[in-house]
Amino acid sequence: MLEGNWRKEKLLVIRKKIFAYAPEMKEEIRYSMLNYGKDDYFGFALMRTKIRQPLCRYNRQD
């Protein structure tokens, strides 16, 4: 099982790699996503997701 803040740790690693490869890129929130690009051209976006446990009647502990 992963720790509670693993997403933040992974994001920091990804950011470091992005800015090492392309320091001219800027980071911006657009459409509720973290976008990376230059000027008005954004190459990719990272979206925040929430992991939810699936509901399954076989895993219930009554």
Protein backbone atom coordinates (compact mmCIF):
# COMPACT_ATOMS: atom_id res chain seq x y z
CA MET A 1 0.00 0.00 0.00
CA LEU A 2 1.23 3.50 -0.83
CA GLU A 3 1.66 6.26 1.74
CA GLY A 4 -0.87 9.07 1.92
CA ASN A 5 1.31 11.73 0.24
CA TRP A 6 2.83 9.63 -2.57
CA ARG A 7 1.13 11.79 -5.24
CA LYS A 8 2.84 14.94 -3.98
CA GLU A 9 6.22 13.19 -3.93
CA LYS A 10 5.75 11.92 -7.50
CA LEU A 11 4.63 15.35 -8.70
CA LEU A 12 7.78 16.95 -7.29
CA VAL A 13 9.93 14.37 -9.11
CA ILE A 14 8.07 14.99 -12.37
CA ARG A 15 8.37 18.79 -12.01
CA LYS A 16 12.11 18.50 -11.43
CA LYS A 17 12.50 16.42 -14.59
CA ILE A 18 10.36 18.80 -16.66
CA PHE A 19 12.32 21.89 -15.64
CA ALA A 20 15.67 20.12 -16.01
CA TYR A 21 14.76 19.18 -19.60
CA ALA A 22 12.98 22.41 -20.57
CA PRO A 23 13.61 25.26 -18.10
CA GLU A 24 11.75 27.72 -20.34
CA MET A 25 8.43 25.97 -19.71
CA LYS A 26 5.98 27.59 -17.39
CA GLU A 27 3.55 25.94 -15.02
CA GLU A 28 -0.03 27.14 -14.96
CA ILE A 29 -3.44 26.01 -13.75
CA ARG A 30 -5.86 25.85 -16.70
CA TYR A 31 -9.20 24.06 -16.79
CA SER A 32 -8.55 22.73 -13.25
CA MET A 33 -5.38 20.96 -14.42
CA LEU A 34 -1.70 21.66 -13.97
CA ASN A 35 -0.42 22.60 -17.45
CA TYR A 36 3.14 22.90 -18.75
CA GLY A 37 4.07 24.88 -21.82
CA LYS A 38 5.45 28.08 -23.28
CA ASP A 39 3.57 31.20 -24.31
CA ASP A 40 0.05 30.00 -25.22
CA TYR A 41 1.15 26.52 -26.27
CA PHE A 42 0.86 23.86 -23.62
CA GLY A 43 2.38 20.46 -24.22
CA PHE A 44 0.60 18.46 -21.55
CA ALA A 45 -1.46 18.64 -18.40
CA LEU A 46 -1.58 16.73 -15.16
CA MET A 47 -4.99 16.15 -13.68
CA ARG A 48 -5.69 15.59 -10.01
CA THR A 49 -7.54 12.39 -9.42
CA LYS A 50 -8.90 10.79 -6.32
CA ILE A 51 -8.57 7.07 -5.83
CA ARG A 52 -11.69 5.50 -4.43
CA GLN A 53 -12.20 2.06 -3.08
CA PRO A 54 -14.66 0.08 -5.20
CA LEU A 55 -17.82 -0.98 -3.48
CA CYS A 56 -18.05 -4.72 -3.41
CA ARG A 57 -20.51 -6.72 -1.36
CA TYR A 58 -17.98 -9.53 -1.01
CA ASN A 59 -15.46 -7.33 0.81
CA ARG A 60 -17.84 -5.93 3.40
CA GLN A 61 -17.04 -6.58 7.01
CA ASP A 62 -20.35 -6.61 8.85
